[in-house]
Amino acid sequence: MEKGAGIVCFREEDITHRKGLLCSRSDQVHHLIAFPAQSNFSGRKYPLQWVKDFPSGKVLLKDCDWLASGDILVLLDAASLVSTSPLDLSLFPAHFVTISFYKMFGFPTGLGALLVRKDCADLLQKSYFGGGTVAASISRAKFHVSRPIVHERLEDGTVAFLDIVALRHGFAALGRLGHNMEWISSHTFSLAKAAYELLKGLKHYNGHPVCVLYHTNGFSDPTTQGPIVNFNLSNSLGAMIGFSEVCE
């Protein structure tokens, strides 16, 4: 931001498909498109094809013609998706991918990872440094040399090594299930759909629904809806019931 970058928020309906020849791009300016693979709020699964379509110019954003003048990089927030669904980065090679081990295993708390494509590693240049991320520094001058390996220059201070060691138990637990991620995705979707149908059927004495559910397609298609059931409770008059009243 301090170098003049701006932020533009977009919605799914702002995306348009380009017709005709793909535009030529310059690598002098870099634009970063960030989107979640799956919404934490509603479980909506967004098209992974965007990972390839944005950089190639097959899709554009309304009123953002300046995107055509630079190189587009994609940050895919896969934290929610990979907790119960497979992700093949050989098919959808995002430049940056964020994941959460806590969402995958439930332990350790607060541990995640940023996956960086090697051809983009040199673009990640910090304006500051912390312990262990520099090869040399001079205190009397604003001079320092960052470590050459990307994870060494980005991981400030001591990493949570005890939590990282614990990850092997999380992966081992997945292995003991004896099923792949496709099976886990199908199973969790079926459980969420059953919960959705049960909540949808709850009615007050006057027929008003008890639950206001937030979803994409009524859990009819697992390719666009993940196993997340989000809802509010309402009274017989349609007014929302607050969390404090629900807890009682």
Protein backbone atom coordinates (compact mmCIF):
# COMPACT_ATOMS: atom_id res chain seq x y z
CA MET A 1 0.00 0.00 0.00
CA GLU A 2 2.85 2.38 0.82
CA LYS A 3 4.12 2.01 -2.75
CA GLY A 4 0.85 3.17 -4.26
CA ALA A 5 -1.11 -0.06 -4.58
CA GLY A 6 -4.89 0.03 -4.36
CA ILE A 7 -7.58 -2.43 -3.27
CA VAL A 8 -10.72 -3.26 -5.24
CA CYS A 9 -13.38 -5.61 -3.82
CA PHE A 10 -15.40 -7.60 -6.33
CA ARG A 11 -18.41 -9.88 -6.34
CA GLU A 12 -19.00 -12.95 -8.45
CA GLU A 13 -21.38 -11.04 -10.70
CA ASP A 14 -18.61 -8.55 -11.49
CA ILE A 15 -16.70 -11.21 -13.44
CA THR A 16 -17.14 -11.13 -17.21
CA HIS A 17 -15.87 -13.55 -19.84
CA ARG A 18 -13.62 -12.12 -22.51
CA LYS A 19 -14.46 -12.76 -26.14
CA GLY A 20 -11.94 -12.95 -28.93
CA LEU A 21 -8.16 -13.07 -28.70
CA LEU A 22 -6.48 -13.08 -25.32
CA CYS A 23 -4.73 -9.87 -24.41
CA SER A 24 -0.93 -9.65 -24.23
CA ARG A 25 0.34 -8.76 -20.78
CA SER A 26 3.31 -6.90 -19.41
CA ASP A 27 5.29 -8.26 -16.49
CA GLN A 28 6.29 -4.76 -15.38
CA VAL A 29 3.14 -4.35 -13.26
CA HIS A 30 1.72 -7.07 -11.05
CA HIS A 31 -1.92 -7.36 -10.00
CA LEU A 32 -3.04 -9.79 -7.29
CA ILE A 33 -6.46 -11.43 -7.50
CA ALA A 34 -7.46 -13.06 -4.21
CA PHE A 35 -10.55 -15.20 -3.70
CA PRO A 36 -11.64 -18.09 -1.47
CA ALA A 37 -12.02 -21.56 -2.90
CA GLN A 38 -14.93 -22.03 -0.47
CA SER A 39 -16.86 -19.46 1.52
CA ASN A 40 -16.62 -19.78 5.29
CA PHE A 41 -20.02 -18.14 5.58
CA SER A 42 -22.26 -20.11 3.25
CA GLY A 43 -20.08 -22.94 1.96
CA ARG A 44 -20.26 -21.61 -1.59
CA LYS A 45 -17.54 -23.19 -3.72
CA TYR A 46 -16.14 -20.74 -6.25
CA PRO A 47 -14.84 -21.92 -9.64
CA LEU A 48 -11.23 -23.05 -9.37
CA GLN A 49 -10.98 -22.39 -13.09
CA TRP A 50 -10.55 -18.71 -12.17
CA VAL A 51 -7.01 -19.64 -11.08
CA LYS A 52 -6.14 -20.08 -14.76
CA ASP A 53 -8.69 -17.75 -16.37
CA PHE A 54 -7.63 -14.54 -14.61
CA PRO A 55 -3.94 -14.72 -15.59
CA SER A 56 -4.78 -15.79 -19.15
CA GLY A 57 -7.27 -12.96 -19.61
CA LYS A 58 -10.26 -15.22 -20.25
CA VAL A 59 -12.17 -13.46 -17.48
CA LEU A 60 -12.11 -9.81 -16.48
CA LEU A 61 -13.66 -7.61 -13.80
CA LYS A 62 -16.20 -4.94 -14.64
CA ASP A 63 -14.81 -1.39 -14.59
CA CYS A 64 -11.27 -2.72 -14.06
CA ASP A 65 -9.77 -2.29 -17.53
CA TRP A 66 -6.38 -1.57 -15.96
CA LEU A 67 -6.09 -5.29 -15.20
CA ALA A 68 -5.31 -5.89 -18.87
CA SER A 69 -2.09 -3.86 -18.65
CA GLY A 70 -0.20 -6.01 -16.17
CA ASP A 71 0.65 -9.49 -15.04
CA ILE A 72 -2.08 -11.09 -12.92
CA LEU A 73 -1.16 -13.31 -9.99
CA VAL A 74 -3.70 -15.37 -8.06
CA LEU A 75 -3.92 -15.89 -4.31
CA LEU A 76 -6.23 -18.81 -3.54
CA ASP A 77 -7.59 -18.99 0.01
CA ALA A 78 -8.04 -22.75 0.30
CA ALA A 79 -8.29 -22.93 4.10
CA SER A 80 -11.98 -23.81 4.16
CA LEU A 81 -11.93 -26.04 1.07
CA VAL A 82 -9.08 -28.40 1.92
CA SER A 83 -10.54 -29.20 5.34
CA THR A 84 -12.94 -31.63 3.64
CA SER A 85 -12.24 -31.53 -0.11
CA PRO A 86 -9.34 -32.37 -2.43
CA LEU A 87 -7.31 -29.68 -4.21
CA ASP A 88 -5.04 -30.56 -7.13
CA LEU A 89 -2.56 -27.73 -7.64
CA SER A 90 -1.23 -29.38 -10.79
CA LEU A 91 -4.61 -28.62 -12.37
CA PHE A 92 -5.08 -25.21 -10.72
CA PRO A 93 -1.57 -23.81 -10.19
CA ALA A 94 -2.30 -20.71 -8.13
CA HIS A 95 0.69 -18.48 -7.46
CA PHE A 96 -0.06 -18.37 -3.74
CA VAL A 97 -2.24 -20.72 -1.65
CA THR A 98 -3.21 -20.37 2.01
CA ILE A 99 -4.28 -23.38 4.06
CA SER A 100 -5.18 -24.00 7.71
CA PHE A 101 -4.02 -27.14 9.45
CA TYR A 102 -6.37 -26.37 12.33
CA LYS A 103 -9.36 -26.65 9.97
CA MET A 104 -8.01 -29.90 8.56
CA PHE A 105 -7.23 -31.67 11.84
CA GLY A 106 -8.67 -29.54 14.68
CA PHE A 107 -5.12 -29.32 16.06
CA PRO A 108 -2.75 -27.54 16.45
CA THR A 109 -4.55 -24.24 17.01
CA GLY A 110 -3.62 -21.30 14.81
CA LEU A 111 -1.19 -23.09 12.50
CA GLY A 112 -1.40 -22.64 8.76
CA ALA A 113 0.81 -22.34 5.72
CA LEU A 114 1.37 -20.14 2.70
CA LEU A 115 2.32 -22.11 -0.41
CA VAL A 116 4.36 -20.05 -2.87
CA ARG A 117 5.18 -20.97 -6.44
CA LYS A 118 8.93 -20.86 -7.00
CA ASP A 119 8.59 -18.54 -9.99
CA CYS A 120 6.90 -15.96 -7.73
CA ALA A 121 9.12 -16.23 -4.66
CA ASP A 122 11.31 -13.26 -5.56
CA LEU A 123 8.26 -10.99 -5.71
CA LEU A 124 7.76 -11.33 -1.94
CA GLN A 125 10.01 -8.58 -0.62
CA LYS A 126 9.39 -7.25 2.90
CA SER A 127 10.06 -3.67 3.99
CA TYR A 128 11.09 -4.85 7.47
CA PHE A 129 12.81 -7.83 9.04
CA GLY A 130 12.66 -9.83 12.22
CA GLY A 131 14.86 -12.31 14.00
CA GLY A 132 16.38 -15.02 11.85
CA THR A 133 15.33 -13.62 8.47
CA VAL A 134 18.49 -11.70 7.54
CA ALA A 135 21.97 -12.81 6.57
CA ALA A 136 23.51 -9.46 7.61
CA SER A 137 22.43 -6.08 8.98
CA ILE A 138 24.04 -2.81 10.06
CA SER A 139 22.36 -1.06 12.98
CA ARG A 140 23.75 2.38 12.19
CA ALA A 141 22.47 2.33 8.63
CA LYS A 142 19.24 1.21 7.04
CA PHE A 143 20.91 -1.76 5.48
CA HIS A 144 20.22 -5.46 5.64
CA VAL A 145 20.53 -8.51 3.43
CA SER A 146 17.66 -10.97 3.57
CA ARG A 147 18.21 -14.69 3.56
CA PRO A 148 18.05 -16.17 0.04
CA ILE A 149 15.52 -18.96 0.70
CA VAL A 150 11.94 -17.69 0.65
CA HIS A 151 10.69 -19.32 3.86
CA GLU A 152 13.80 -18.23 5.77
CA ARG A 153 13.29 -14.57 4.92
CA LEU A 154 9.53 -14.57 5.58
CA GLU A 155 9.35 -16.48 8.88
CA ASP A 156 10.14 -13.85 11.52
CA GLY A 157 11.23 -15.14 14.89
CA THR A 158 10.99 -18.69 16.17
CA VAL A 159 8.45 -20.80 14.35
CA ALA A 160 5.97 -22.92 16.32
CA PHE A 161 8.12 -26.02 15.93
CA LEU A 162 6.24 -28.08 18.51
CA ASP A 163 2.98 -27.48 16.65
CA ILE A 164 4.64 -28.28 13.34
CA VAL A 165 5.91 -31.60 14.72
CA ALA A 166 2.34 -32.42 15.78
CA LEU A 167 1.14 -32.21 12.18
CA ARG A 168 2.41 -35.71 11.47
CA HIS A 169 -0.26 -37.04 13.84
CA GLY A 170 -2.96 -35.16 11.93
CA PHE A 171 -1.86 -36.62 8.62
CA ALA A 172 -1.57 -40.04 10.22
CA ALA A 173 -5.16 -39.76 11.51
CA LEU A 174 -6.37 -39.01 7.99
CA GLY A 175 -4.46 -42.02 6.73
CA ARG A 176 -6.03 -44.30 9.33
CA LEU A 177 -9.49 -43.43 8.03
CA GLY A 178 -8.69 -45.53 4.99
CA HIS A 179 -10.46 -43.13 2.63
CA ASN A 180 -9.34 -40.42 0.24
CA MET A 181 -10.45 -36.78 0.27
CA GLU A 182 -13.12 -37.45 -2.34
CA TRP A 183 -14.84 -39.83 0.08
CA ILE A 184 -14.47 -37.36 2.95
CA SER A 185 -15.97 -34.62 0.77
CA SER A 186 -18.96 -36.80 -0.16
CA HIS A 187 -19.52 -37.95 3.44
CA THR A 188 -19.36 -34.49 5.00
CA PHE A 189 -21.62 -33.07 2.28
CA SER A 190 -24.21 -35.77 3.03
CA LEU A 191 -24.10 -34.94 6.75
CA ALA A 192 -24.47 -31.21 6.07
CA LYS A 193 -27.34 -31.83 3.65
CA ALA A 194 -29.16 -33.93 6.27
CA ALA A 195 -28.73 -31.15 8.84
CA TYR A 196 -29.93 -28.59 6.30
CA GLU A 197 -33.09 -30.59 5.52
CA LEU A 198 -33.82 -31.03 9.23
CA LEU A 199 -33.40 -27.34 10.01
CA LYS A 200 -35.41 -26.31 6.97
CA GLY A 201 -38.33 -28.41 8.17
CA LEU A 202 -38.59 -26.72 11.58
CA LYS A 203 -41.70 -24.51 11.74
CA HIS A 204 -43.44 -22.37 14.33
CA TYR A 205 -47.09 -22.97 15.21
CA ASN A 206 -48.11 -20.46 12.52
CA GLY A 207 -45.99 -22.07 9.83
CA HIS A 208 -43.20 -19.51 9.91
CA PRO A 209 -39.77 -21.15 9.54
CA VAL A 210 -37.63 -21.36 12.66
CA CYS A 211 -34.33 -21.14 10.75
CA VAL A 212 -33.10 -18.70 8.11
CA LEU A 213 -30.52 -20.71 6.18
CA TYR A 214 -27.71 -19.32 4.05
CA HIS A 215 -26.66 -21.50 1.13
CA THR A 216 -26.08 -21.55 -2.62
CA ASN A 217 -28.30 -24.22 -4.13
CA GLY A 218 -30.15 -25.99 -1.35
CA PHE A 219 -27.37 -28.59 -1.10
CA SER A 220 -28.25 -30.01 -4.50
CA ASP A 221 -24.75 -29.88 -5.99
CA PRO A 222 -21.58 -30.71 -4.01
CA THR A 223 -19.40 -29.08 -6.68
CA THR A 224 -20.76 -25.63 -5.78
CA GLN A 225 -21.80 -26.16 -2.14
CA GLY A 226 -19.53 -27.26 0.67
CA PRO A 227 -20.46 -28.93 3.99
CA ILE A 228 -21.18 -25.69 5.87
CA VAL A 229 -24.61 -25.08 7.41
CA ASN A 230 -25.04 -21.46 8.47
CA PHE A 231 -28.31 -20.12 9.83
CA ASN A 232 -30.10 -17.62 12.04
CA LEU A 233 -33.07 -18.37 14.25
CA SER A 234 -36.27 -16.36 14.02
CA ASN A 235 -39.40 -16.18 16.18
CA SER A 236 -42.96 -16.75 15.03
CA LEU A 237 -43.20 -13.14 13.85
CA GLY A 238 -40.12 -13.40 11.66
CA ALA A 239 -37.81 -11.34 13.89
CA MET A 240 -34.30 -12.65 14.47
CA ILE A 241 -33.49 -14.23 17.83
CA GLY A 242 -30.24 -12.96 19.38
CA PHE A 243 -27.42 -15.25 20.44
CA SER A 244 -27.91 -14.48 24.14
CA GLU A 245 -31.51 -15.70 23.96
CA VAL A 246 -30.43 -18.82 22.06
CA CYS A 247 -27.87 -19.63 24.76
CA GLU A 248 -30.61 -19.51 27.39
